[in-house]
């Protein structure tokens, strides 16, 4: 049996919508901009994380190779898998949260034009729950559903609430948190984004 080669998603349309200045800003305000010359600078790691979200079933080295993210080095042409993992850990979540906030704001404002109702933008807040990796840290931080029998769910769960434009279906803001916290408490945080 011959296996088909994996077809990676086309990132060209997305790369045209994310201004490189947004990435630079997100890295600068979070103090994560690359100071020294690296084979995989912070800007490239941001693109790696975005690509991994879209092509999540592929190994990290394959995604890096497909997008040609590593800067060339004649002496050491290969990059260690551990270096890719370390780069993601070094980046952290803050720059991605900043980039999400900035891109969501710009895209929402751009697409709201001409779609108001009596001069008002319309939004909806919607909540859901997501399972997360079963680790002691996630169980402690997020918790899990407890059944009437007293048994806890197999996986830790988290609450997710989104502020979504009704005109465009673009997510303007999102909050994540512990499962046991009532959605209405998270909703208050989202109302401030309107």
Protein backbone atom coordinates (compact mmCIF):
# COMPACT_ATOMS: atom_id res chain seq x y z
CA UNK A 1 0.00 0.00 0.00
CA UNK A 2 1.39 3.39 -1.00
CA UNK A 3 0.77 6.24 1.40
CA UNK A 4 -0.17 9.63 0.03
CA UNK A 5 2.13 12.53 0.73
CA UNK A 6 0.66 14.95 3.24
CA UNK A 7 -0.75 18.11 1.69
CA UNK A 8 0.08 21.07 3.92
CA UNK A 9 -2.46 23.90 4.23
CA UNK A 10 -1.86 26.93 2.04
CA UNK A 11 -0.52 29.66 4.32
CA UNK A 12 -0.16 32.30 1.61
CA UNK A 13 -3.59 33.90 2.17
CA UNK A 14 -3.07 34.04 5.93
CA UNK A 15 0.44 35.43 5.59
CA UNK A 16 -0.99 38.28 3.50
CA UNK A 17 -3.47 39.11 6.28
CA UNK A 18 -0.97 39.20 9.17
CA UNK A 19 1.17 42.30 9.01
CA UNK A 20 4.79 41.54 10.01
CA UNK A 21 4.70 44.79 12.02
CA UNK A 22 2.01 43.19 14.23
CA UNK A 23 4.34 40.30 15.02
CA UNK A 24 7.22 42.68 15.73
CA UNK A 25 4.95 44.74 18.01
CA UNK A 26 3.69 41.66 19.88
CA UNK A 27 7.26 40.49 20.46
CA UNK A 28 8.46 43.95 21.51
CA UNK A 29 5.71 44.63 24.07
CA UNK A 30 6.15 41.21 25.64
CA UNK A 31 9.95 41.40 25.69
CA UNK A 32 10.29 38.31 23.48
CA UNK A 33 11.98 39.85 20.44
CA UNK A 34 15.17 38.06 19.44
CA UNK A 35 18.15 40.04 20.68
CA UNK A 36 20.85 37.73 19.43
CA UNK A 37 21.01 36.17 15.99
CA UNK A 38 19.34 32.76 16.09
CA UNK A 39 18.71 30.18 13.41
CA UNK A 40 15.05 30.33 14.37
CA UNK A 41 14.30 33.94 15.45
CA UNK A 42 11.21 34.78 17.48
CA UNK A 43 9.37 36.12 14.39
CA UNK A 44 9.76 32.74 12.72
CA UNK A 45 8.67 30.90 15.87
CA UNK A 46 5.40 32.88 15.83
CA UNK A 47 4.79 31.64 12.28
CA UNK A 48 5.68 28.12 13.41
CA UNK A 49 3.06 28.19 16.18
CA UNK A 50 0.42 29.50 13.76
CA UNK A 51 1.33 26.79 11.24
CA UNK A 52 1.24 24.07 13.90
CA UNK A 53 -2.27 25.18 14.86
CA UNK A 54 -3.38 24.76 11.25
CA UNK A 55 -1.40 21.59 10.53
CA UNK A 56 -1.43 20.08 14.01
CA UNK A 57 -1.05 16.43 13.06
CA UNK A 58 2.34 16.93 11.43
CA UNK A 59 5.71 16.69 13.17
CA UNK A 60 7.26 20.04 14.03
CA UNK A 61 10.40 19.47 11.90
CA UNK A 62 8.24 18.73 8.86
CA UNK A 63 6.24 21.95 9.30
CA UNK A 64 9.47 23.94 9.77
CA UNK A 65 10.93 22.41 6.61
CA UNK A 66 7.74 23.01 4.60
CA UNK A 67 7.65 26.70 5.54
CA UNK A 68 11.44 27.08 5.32
CA UNK A 69 11.52 28.91 8.66
CA UNK A 70 15.12 28.23 9.72
CA UNK A 71 17.73 30.76 8.69
CA UNK A 72 20.50 29.22 6.58
CA UNK A 73 23.80 28.22 8.18
CA UNK A 74 26.56 26.81 5.98
CA UNK A 75 28.37 25.24 8.94
CA UNK A 76 25.34 23.53 10.57
CA UNK A 77 22.61 23.11 7.93
CA UNK A 78 20.38 20.96 10.20
CA UNK A 79 18.56 22.16 13.30
CA UNK A 80 17.95 19.83 16.23
CA UNK A 81 14.37 18.86 17.08
CA UNK A 82 15.05 19.90 20.67
CA UNK A 83 15.94 23.41 19.44
CA UNK A 84 12.47 23.71 17.89
CA UNK A 85 10.79 22.75 21.15
CA UNK A 86 13.02 25.11 23.12
CA UNK A 87 12.20 27.94 20.73
CA UNK A 88 8.46 27.43 21.28
CA UNK A 89 8.94 27.35 25.05
CA UNK A 90 11.09 30.48 24.96
CA UNK A 91 8.41 32.32 23.00
CA UNK A 92 5.63 31.51 25.47
CA UNK A 93 1.99 32.45 25.09
CA UNK A 94 2.10 36.22 25.65
CA UNK A 95 3.23 37.28 22.15
CA UNK A 96 0.57 35.08 20.56
CA UNK A 97 -2.11 36.57 22.80
CA UNK A 98 -0.92 40.05 21.79
CA UNK A 99 -0.95 39.11 18.11
CA UNK A 100 -4.43 37.62 18.41
CA UNK A 101 -5.75 40.75 20.10
CA UNK A 102 -4.25 43.09 17.53
CA UNK A 103 -5.26 41.08 14.48
CA UNK A 104 -8.79 40.50 15.84
CA UNK A 105 -9.22 44.22 16.46
CA UNK A 106 -7.99 45.26 13.01
CA UNK A 107 -9.88 42.55 11.12
CA UNK A 108 -13.10 43.19 13.03
CA UNK A 109 -12.97 46.95 12.48
CA UNK A 110 -12.15 46.45 8.79
CA UNK A 111 -15.04 44.04 8.23
CA UNK A 112 -17.61 45.91 10.36
CA UNK A 113 -17.68 48.79 7.88
CA UNK A 114 -21.09 48.93 6.23
CA UNK A 115 -22.51 46.10 8.35
CA UNK A 116 -23.86 47.98 11.34
CA UNK A 117 -27.44 47.89 12.51
CA UNK A 118 -28.75 51.39 13.10
CA UNK A 119 -25.17 52.53 13.52
CA UNK A 120 -24.29 49.82 16.03
CA UNK A 121 -21.94 46.87 15.75
CA UNK A 122 -23.55 43.64 16.95
CA UNK A 123 -21.76 41.01 19.02
CA UNK A 124 -22.63 37.75 20.72
CA UNK A 125 -20.98 36.08 23.69
CA UNK A 126 -20.93 32.31 23.48
CA UNK A 127 -19.47 29.78 25.86
CA UNK A 128 -18.22 26.24 25.53
CA UNK A 129 -16.01 23.74 27.30
CA UNK A 130 -12.91 22.07 25.93
CA UNK A 131 -10.97 19.05 27.09
CA UNK A 132 -7.28 19.56 27.69
CA UNK A 133 -4.28 17.31 28.23
CA UNK A 134 -4.58 15.16 31.31
CA UNK A 135 -1.72 16.47 33.41
CA UNK A 136 -1.65 17.19 37.15
CA UNK A 137 -1.05 20.88 36.36
CA UNK A 138 -4.12 21.10 34.11
CA UNK A 139 -6.29 19.22 36.62
CA UNK A 140 -5.22 21.59 39.36
CA UNK A 141 -5.57 24.77 37.26
CA UNK A 142 -8.71 24.05 35.20
CA UNK A 143 -10.46 21.27 37.12
CA UNK A 144 -12.90 18.83 35.59
CA UNK A 145 -16.58 18.07 35.54
CA UNK A 146 -17.74 16.18 38.64
CA UNK A 147 -20.62 13.76 38.15
CA UNK A 148 -23.41 13.21 40.68
CA UNK A 149 -21.71 9.96 41.67
CA UNK A 150 -18.67 11.98 42.78
CA UNK A 151 -16.49 10.67 39.95
CA UNK A 152 -14.49 13.31 38.08
CA UNK A 153 -14.36 13.43 34.28
CA UNK A 154 -11.55 11.58 32.51
CA UNK A 155 -9.92 14.78 31.25
CA UNK A 156 -9.48 18.24 32.72
CA UNK A 157 -11.81 20.73 31.13
CA UNK A 158 -11.71 24.47 30.64
CA UNK A 159 -14.27 27.11 29.92
CA UNK A 160 -14.01 29.14 26.73
CA UNK A 161 -16.05 32.23 26.00
CA UNK A 162 -15.81 34.24 22.80
CA UNK A 163 -16.99 37.67 21.79
CA UNK A 164 -18.01 37.19 18.15
CA UNK A 165 -19.18 39.71 15.58
CA UNK A 166 -22.65 38.81 14.34
CA UNK A 167 -22.02 40.52 11.00
CA UNK A 168 -18.76 38.77 10.16
CA UNK A 169 -18.47 35.80 12.56
CA UNK A 170 -14.97 36.99 13.45
CA UNK A 171 -13.89 36.35 17.03
CA UNK A 172 -13.03 39.72 18.57
CA UNK A 173 -11.93 38.44 21.98
CA UNK A 174 -11.73 35.15 23.87
CA UNK A 175 -11.23 34.14 27.49
CA UNK A 176 -10.26 30.75 28.88
CA UNK A 177 -10.43 29.63 32.46
CA UNK A 178 -11.24 27.09 35.09
CA UNK A 179 -14.18 24.80 34.48
CA UNK A 180 -15.94 25.42 37.80
CA UNK A 181 -16.19 29.19 37.28
CA UNK A 182 -19.58 30.37 36.00
CA UNK A 183 -19.63 31.60 32.39
CA UNK A 184 -21.29 34.85 33.42
CA UNK A 185 -18.19 35.82 35.41
CA UNK A 186 -16.05 35.37 32.29
CA UNK A 187 -18.62 37.27 30.22
CA UNK A 188 -17.99 40.42 32.29
CA UNK A 189 -14.38 40.44 31.06
CA UNK A 190 -15.55 40.21 27.45
CA UNK A 191 -18.02 43.07 27.78
CA UNK A 192 -15.12 45.44 28.41
CA UNK A 193 -13.74 44.62 24.93
CA UNK A 194 -16.79 46.07 23.16
